[in-house]
Amino acid sequence: MIATQYKITLPSDYDMNIIKERVRTNGFKTDGFDGLRFKLYLITEKDENNNLQNSYSPLYLWKDSNGLNNFLFNGFYDNILASFGWQQVNIGIPLIDKLSSKISDIKYLFEITGNIEPQVSLNNYKEKVEKELPSIEDTEYIVVYNPDKWKYSAFYFIDDLNKIETEKGTIYNILHISQ
């Protein structure tokens, strides 16, 4: 599996209803997309949920590279290029996958990021990350890492923001989930 995400930062006065309408009108087009485990249509809105900026930040989890390659190089990604210009596509490799297929009714995604510091050995690092991550009751999550940057992101699927009121991270609103 491969995770990808592009984070498009939008102006602070950007009308986020434009993105919401874009997803309402087009989100279904990636439902059942070949090779896609899921796509989350994510936004942050300035001054909502402690977010400092507006953004459109879709997150994909691909079953393999074939679906990703098809998306990027066969015209589907052209919609992003035409609307928002050239974007950096962040890549993540799943390290911990605690997801089921019950994510379709979730309203929020909570992201915690961390660095993978230089060390003598990465043996048992997965277990170390699992111990350090917050335990959020009745919440599924996935952790992806990028060895090019030695960073990781833990993405929690949240149905109730009260579960994370003491945690620090980014809260995204999920506008649509394609599976």
Protein backbone atom coordinates (compact mmCIF):
# COMPACT_ATOMS: atom_id res chain seq x y z
CA MET A 1 0.00 0.00 0.00
CA ILE A 2 0.96 3.61 -0.56
CA ALA A 3 -0.54 6.73 0.99
CA THR A 4 -0.49 10.04 -0.86
CA GLN A 5 -1.63 13.51 0.12
CA TYR A 6 -1.31 16.96 -1.33
CA LYS A 7 -1.99 19.90 0.96
CA ILE A 8 -3.24 22.92 -0.91
CA THR A 9 -3.06 26.00 1.31
CA LEU A 10 -5.74 28.51 0.42
CA PRO A 11 -5.96 32.23 1.26
CA SER A 12 -7.43 33.08 4.66
CA ASP A 13 -10.40 34.82 3.00
CA TYR A 14 -11.01 31.97 0.52
CA ASP A 15 -14.67 30.93 0.36
CA MET A 16 -14.46 27.29 1.45
CA ASN A 17 -17.96 26.72 0.06
CA ILE A 18 -16.22 26.56 -3.33
CA ILE A 19 -14.31 23.45 -2.21
CA LYS A 20 -17.39 21.98 -0.52
CA GLU A 21 -19.39 22.40 -3.74
CA ARG A 22 -16.51 20.96 -5.80
CA VAL A 23 -16.56 17.83 -3.62
CA ARG A 24 -20.38 17.63 -3.61
CA THR A 25 -20.37 17.80 -7.41
CA ASN A 26 -17.33 15.62 -8.17
CA GLY A 27 -16.45 13.51 -5.10
CA PHE A 28 -18.34 10.48 -6.33
CA LYS A 29 -16.06 10.27 -9.38
CA THR A 30 -13.39 8.46 -7.35
CA ASP A 31 -15.87 6.03 -5.76
CA GLY A 32 -14.66 2.59 -6.81
CA PHE A 33 -11.52 3.98 -8.48
CA ASP A 34 -9.29 1.09 -9.51
CA GLY A 35 -6.56 0.39 -6.95
CA LEU A 36 -7.93 2.82 -4.36
CA ARG A 37 -8.58 1.59 -0.82
CA PHE A 38 -9.99 5.01 0.05
CA LYS A 39 -9.80 8.71 -0.71
CA LEU A 40 -10.72 11.22 1.97
CA TYR A 41 -11.73 14.66 0.74
CA LEU A 42 -10.32 16.77 3.57
CA ILE A 43 -10.44 20.44 4.40
CA THR A 44 -9.33 22.70 7.22
CA GLU A 45 -10.99 26.03 7.81
CA LYS A 46 -9.20 28.94 9.42
CA ASP A 47 -10.29 29.51 13.04
CA GLU A 48 -12.26 26.24 13.14
CA ASN A 49 -10.90 23.42 15.34
CA ASN A 50 -7.79 25.52 16.10
CA ASN A 51 -6.74 25.52 12.45
CA LEU A 52 -4.63 28.46 11.36
CA GLN A 53 -5.42 28.25 7.65
CA ASN A 54 -7.82 27.13 4.99
CA SER A 55 -6.71 24.08 3.07
CA TYR A 56 -7.86 21.36 0.74
CA SER A 57 -5.85 18.23 1.57
CA PRO A 58 -7.13 14.98 0.02
CA LEU A 59 -5.63 11.80 1.47
CA TYR A 60 -5.45 8.60 -0.57
CA LEU A 61 -4.57 5.06 0.41
CA TRP A 62 -3.65 3.01 -2.66
CA LYS A 63 -3.59 -0.78 -2.73
CA ASP A 64 -0.43 -0.62 -4.88
CA SER A 65 1.42 1.68 -7.24
CA ASN A 66 -0.74 0.82 -10.27
CA GLY A 67 -3.75 2.82 -9.06
CA LEU A 68 -1.55 5.76 -8.06
CA ASN A 69 0.23 5.76 -11.42
CA ASN A 70 -3.09 5.61 -13.25
CA PHE A 71 -4.40 8.56 -11.21
CA LEU A 72 -1.32 10.74 -11.67
CA PHE A 73 -0.39 9.96 -15.27
CA ASN A 74 -3.64 9.18 -17.09
CA GLY A 75 -5.42 12.53 -16.77
CA PHE A 76 -7.21 12.26 -13.42
CA TYR A 77 -4.72 14.45 -11.53
CA ASP A 78 -5.04 17.06 -14.31
CA ASN A 79 -8.14 18.42 -12.52
CA ILE A 80 -5.93 19.41 -9.56
CA LEU A 81 -3.30 20.89 -11.88
CA ALA A 82 -5.91 22.94 -13.73
CA SER A 83 -7.57 24.22 -10.55
CA PHE A 84 -4.64 24.65 -8.14
CA GLY A 85 -1.44 24.37 -10.14
CA TRP A 86 1.54 22.12 -9.53
CA GLN A 87 1.36 20.46 -6.11
CA GLN A 88 3.85 18.47 -4.07
CA VAL A 89 2.41 14.98 -3.56
CA ASN A 90 3.52 13.64 -0.20
CA ILE A 91 4.13 9.89 -0.09
CA GLY A 92 3.71 7.62 2.91
CA ILE A 93 4.26 3.93 3.43
CA PRO A 94 1.88 2.32 5.91
CA LEU A 95 3.62 1.25 9.11
CA ILE A 96 0.60 0.56 11.32
CA ASP A 97 -2.86 -0.16 9.91
CA LYS A 98 -5.67 -0.35 12.46
CA LEU A 99 -8.48 0.33 9.97
CA SER A 100 -11.59 -1.60 9.09
CA SER A 101 -14.16 -0.83 6.46
CA LYS A 102 -16.31 1.08 8.99
CA ILE A 103 -14.79 4.47 8.17
CA SER A 104 -17.56 5.59 5.80
CA ASP A 105 -19.55 7.46 8.50
CA ILE A 106 -16.62 9.28 10.10
CA LYS A 107 -16.71 13.10 10.01
CA TYR A 108 -13.17 14.06 11.09
CA LEU A 109 -9.60 13.00 10.55
CA PHE A 110 -7.05 13.91 13.22
CA GLU A 111 -3.37 14.01 12.21
CA ILE A 112 -0.39 13.85 14.53
CA THR A 113 3.05 14.13 12.96
CA GLY A 114 6.43 13.12 14.28
CA ASN A 115 10.06 12.77 13.31
CA ILE A 116 11.98 9.54 13.07
CA GLU A 117 15.23 10.59 14.69
CA PRO A 118 18.61 9.08 13.74
CA GLN A 119 19.34 6.02 15.85
CA VAL A 120 21.52 2.97 15.95
CA SER A 121 18.71 0.61 14.91
CA LEU A 122 15.12 0.81 13.71
CA ASN A 123 14.43 -2.69 14.97
CA ASN A 124 11.12 -2.62 16.90
CA TYR A 125 10.46 1.01 15.88
CA LYS A 126 6.88 0.15 14.96
CA GLU A 127 6.20 -0.98 18.53
CA LYS A 128 7.86 2.17 19.88
CA VAL A 129 5.59 4.39 17.78
CA GLU A 130 2.51 2.45 18.89
CA LYS A 131 3.42 2.99 22.54
CA GLU A 132 4.06 6.73 22.05
CA LEU A 133 0.86 7.48 20.16
CA PRO A 134 -2.16 8.57 22.15
CA SER A 135 -4.72 5.88 22.78
CA ILE A 136 -8.03 7.33 21.62
CA GLU A 137 -10.99 5.23 22.69
CA ASP A 138 -12.92 3.41 19.93
CA THR A 139 -10.89 5.05 17.19
CA GLU A 140 -9.32 3.49 14.14
CA TYR A 141 -6.06 4.83 12.77
CA ILE A 142 -3.25 4.38 10.32
CA VAL A 143 0.38 5.48 10.62
CA VAL A 144 2.40 6.19 7.49
CA TYR A 145 6.04 7.17 7.22
CA ASN A 146 8.33 8.67 4.62
CA PRO A 147 11.96 7.49 4.82
CA ASP A 148 13.02 10.27 2.43
CA LYS A 149 12.11 12.83 5.09
CA TRP A 150 12.19 10.50 8.14
CA LYS A 151 8.78 11.69 9.29
CA TYR A 152 5.55 9.94 10.10
CA SER A 153 1.89 10.87 10.32
CA ALA A 154 -0.73 9.14 12.43
CA PHE A 155 -4.24 9.61 11.03
CA TYR A 156 -7.10 8.95 13.45
CA PHE A 157 -10.67 8.54 12.20
CA ILE A 158 -12.72 10.55 14.70
CA ASP A 159 -16.47 10.61 15.19
CA ASP A 160 -16.46 12.81 18.32
CA LEU A 161 -14.04 15.72 18.76
CA ASN A 162 -14.35 15.42 22.55
CA LYS A 163 -12.13 12.32 22.29
CA ILE A 164 -9.17 14.47 21.27
CA GLU A 165 -9.75 17.71 23.16
CA THR A 166 -6.44 17.34 25.04
CA GLU A 167 -4.39 16.25 22.01
CA LYS A 168 -2.38 18.48 19.67
CA GLY A 169 -2.58 18.00 15.92
CA THR A 170 -4.55 18.92 12.82
CA ILE A 171 -8.27 18.30 12.63
CA TYR A 172 -9.64 17.89 9.11
CA ASN A 173 -13.31 17.87 8.17
CA ILE A 174 -14.10 14.92 5.92
CA LEU A 175 -16.39 16.04 3.10
CA HIS A 176 -16.59 12.70 1.30
CA ILE A 177 -15.02 9.25 1.43
CA SER A 178 -14.49 7.30 -1.78
CA GLN A 179 -13.91 3.57 -1.39
